[in-house]
C-alpha atoms as a PDB file:
ATOM      1  CA  MET A   1      33.898 -51.144  10.272  1.00  0.00           C
ATOM      2  CA  VAL A   2      34.607 -48.107   8.123  1.00  0.00           C
ATOM      3  CA  VAL A   3      32.735 -47.480   4.853  1.00  0.00           C
ATOM      4  CA  GLN A   4      34.012 -44.966   2.317  1.00  0.00           C
ATOM      5  CA  PHE A   5      31.297 -44.038  -0.163  1.00  0.00           C
ATOM      6  CA  TRP A   6      32.395 -43.291  -3.745  1.00  0.00           C
ATOM      7  CA  SER A   7      29.423 -43.093  -6.067  1.00  0.00           C
ATOM      8  CA  PHE A   8      25.884 -44.246  -6.751  1.00  0.00           C
ATOM      9  CA  SER A   9      23.144 -44.242  -9.366  1.00  0.00           C
ATOM     10  CA  ILE A  10      19.871 -46.057  -9.843  1.00  0.00           C
ATOM     11  CA  GLU A  11      21.978 -48.972 -11.159  1.00  0.00           C
ATOM     12  CA  HIS A  12      24.901 -49.109  -8.736  1.00  0.00           C
ATOM     13  CA  ILE A  13      26.489 -48.229  -5.424  1.00  0.00           C
ATOM     14  CA  ASP A  14      30.273 -48.163  -5.055  1.00  0.00           C
ATOM     15  CA  ASP A  15      31.992 -48.277  -1.643  1.00  0.00           C
ATOM     16  CA  ASP A  16      35.290 -49.200  -0.022  1.00  0.00           C
ATOM     17  CA  ILE A  17      34.981 -51.320   3.124  1.00  0.00           C
ATOM     18  CA  TYR A  18      37.582 -51.413   5.912  1.00  0.00           C
ATOM     19  CA  GLU A  19      37.551 -53.583   9.028  1.00  0.00           C
ATOM     20  CA  ASP A  20      39.001 -50.648  10.950  1.00  0.00           C
ATOM     21  CA  SER A  21      40.839 -47.419  10.185  1.00  0.00           C
ATOM     22  CA  THR A  22      44.220 -49.196   9.893  1.00  0.00           C
ATOM     23  CA  SER A  23      43.273 -52.203   7.745  1.00  0.00           C
ATOM     24  CA  ASP A  24      43.502 -52.675   3.988  1.00  0.00           C
ATOM     25  CA  GLY A  25      40.124 -52.304   2.360  1.00  0.00           C
ATOM     26  CA  TRP A  26      38.139 -53.975  -0.348  1.00  0.00           C
ATOM     27  CA  ARG A  27      35.639 -52.609  -2.819  1.00  0.00           C
ATOM     28  CA  LEU A  28      31.930 -53.460  -2.716  1.00  0.00           C
ATOM     29  CA  ILE A  29      29.943 -52.779  -5.870  1.00  0.00           C
ATOM     30  CA  GLY A  30      26.198 -53.298  -5.705  1.00  0.00           C
ATOM     31  CA  PHE A  31      24.879 -53.567  -9.249  1.00  0.00           C
ATOM     32  CA  ASN A  32      21.435 -53.691 -10.835  1.00  0.00           C
ATOM     33  CA  GLY A  33      21.477 -54.238 -14.592  1.00  0.00           C
ATOM     34  CA  ASN A  34      18.987 -52.315 -16.688  1.00  0.00           C
ATOM     35  CA  LEU A  35      15.781 -54.165 -17.602  1.00  0.00           C
ATOM     36  CA  VAL A  36      15.543 -52.433 -20.987  1.00  0.00           C
ATOM     37  CA  MET A  37      17.496 -54.475 -23.538  1.00  0.00           C
ATOM     38  CA  LYS A  38      18.637 -51.400 -25.506  1.00  0.00           C
ATOM     39  CA  GLN A  39      20.126 -49.872 -22.349  1.00  0.00           C
ATOM     40  CA  GLN A  40      21.838 -52.970 -20.941  1.00  0.00           C
ATOM     41  CA  ARG A  41      25.064 -52.251 -22.782  1.00  0.00           C
ATOM     42  CA  GLY A  42      25.345 -48.986 -20.836  1.00  0.00           C
ATOM     43  CA  SER A  43      24.915 -50.923 -17.588  1.00  0.00           C
ATOM     44  CA  TRP A  44      27.773 -53.255 -18.474  1.00  0.00           C
ATOM     45  CA  GLU A  45      29.973 -50.332 -19.550  1.00  0.00           C
ATOM     46  CA  ARG A  46      29.320 -48.699 -16.156  1.00  0.00           C
ATOM     47  CA  LEU A  47      30.360 -51.907 -14.384  1.00  0.00           C
ATOM     48  CA  VAL A  48      33.593 -52.082 -16.402  1.00  0.00           C
ATOM     49  CA  GLN A  49      34.301 -48.422 -15.586  1.00  0.00           C
ATOM     50  CA  LEU A  50      33.740 -49.031 -11.863  1.00  0.00           C
ATOM     51  CA  SER A  51      36.116 -51.988 -11.860  1.00  0.00           C
ATOM     52  CA  ARG A  52      38.866 -49.892 -13.491  1.00  0.00           C
ATOM     53  CA  ASN A  53      38.706 -47.175 -10.845  1.00  0.00           C
ATOM     54  CA  ASN A  54      40.556 -49.162  -8.235  1.00  0.00           C
ATOM     55  CA  SER A  55      42.954 -52.096  -7.968  1.00  0.00           C
ATOM     56  CA  THR A  56      41.861 -53.295  -4.510  1.00  0.00           C
ATOM     57  CA  PRO A  57      40.058 -56.639  -4.188  1.00  0.00           C
ATOM     58  CA  ARG A  58      36.383 -56.277  -5.033  1.00  0.00           C
ATOM     59  CA  VAL A  59      33.059 -58.020  -4.655  1.00  0.00           C
ATOM     60  CA  CYS A  60      30.240 -57.295  -7.065  1.00  0.00           C
ATOM     61  CA  VAL A  61      26.740 -58.291  -5.983  1.00  0.00           C
ATOM     62  CA  GLY A  62      23.288 -57.649  -7.333  1.00  0.00           C
ATOM     63  CA  ASP A  63      20.903 -58.452 -10.137  1.00  0.00           C
ATOM     64  CA  PHE A  64      22.525 -58.416 -13.542  1.00  0.00           C
ATOM     65  CA  ASN A  65      19.169 -59.040 -15.304  1.00  0.00           C
ATOM     66  CA  GLU A  66      20.790 -61.649 -17.510  1.00  0.00           C
ATOM     67  CA  VAL A  67      20.055 -65.308 -18.219  1.00  0.00           C
ATOM     68  CA  LEU A  68      22.555 -68.023 -19.059  1.00  0.00           C
ATOM     69  CA  PHE A  69      20.142 -70.410 -20.755  1.00  0.00           C
ATOM     70  CA  GLN A  70      16.968 -69.945 -22.814  1.00  0.00           C
ATOM     71  CA  HIS A  71      14.952 -72.125 -20.385  1.00  0.00           C
ATOM     72  CA  GLU A  72      15.636 -69.596 -17.586  1.00  0.00           C
ATOM     73  CA  LYS A  73      13.671 -66.923 -19.449  1.00  0.00           C
ATOM     74  CA  LEU A  74       9.920 -66.812 -18.870  1.00  0.00           C
ATOM     75  CA  GLY A  75       7.712 -64.906 -21.311  1.00  0.00           C
ATOM     76  CA  GLY A  76       8.561 -62.358 -23.942  1.00  0.00           C
ATOM     77  CA  ALA A  77      10.409 -62.957 -27.176  1.00  0.00           C
ATOM     78  CA  VAL A  78      13.033 -65.675 -27.476  1.00  0.00           C
ATOM     79  CA  ARG A  79      16.504 -64.149 -27.295  1.00  0.00           C
ATOM     80  CA  PRO A  80      19.082 -64.869 -29.973  1.00  0.00           C
ATOM     81  CA  ARG A  81      21.954 -67.056 -28.724  1.00  0.00           C
ATOM     82  CA  TRP A  82      24.424 -64.119 -28.839  1.00  0.00           C
ATOM     83  CA  GLN A  83      22.324 -62.253 -26.243  1.00  0.00           C
ATOM     84  CA  ILE A  84      22.547 -65.065 -23.695  1.00  0.00           C
END
């Protein structure tokens, strides 16, 4: 396996993965969304930017720090529907 490293931050790691030096690769993006609500938009913008950098197949894994339903959220203020 060959791994070509592209970039990283506290919120992401971006690599191309190849089975061997002659095979077509795929992109692996490890993503960790920001916990601070005011900074989450920047996290999503980073993810969009990373997906535009390359047209190879990609897998994005990680913790997006998002909920789909109000009952998934424990504690804190209730989120408005548009934030879910």
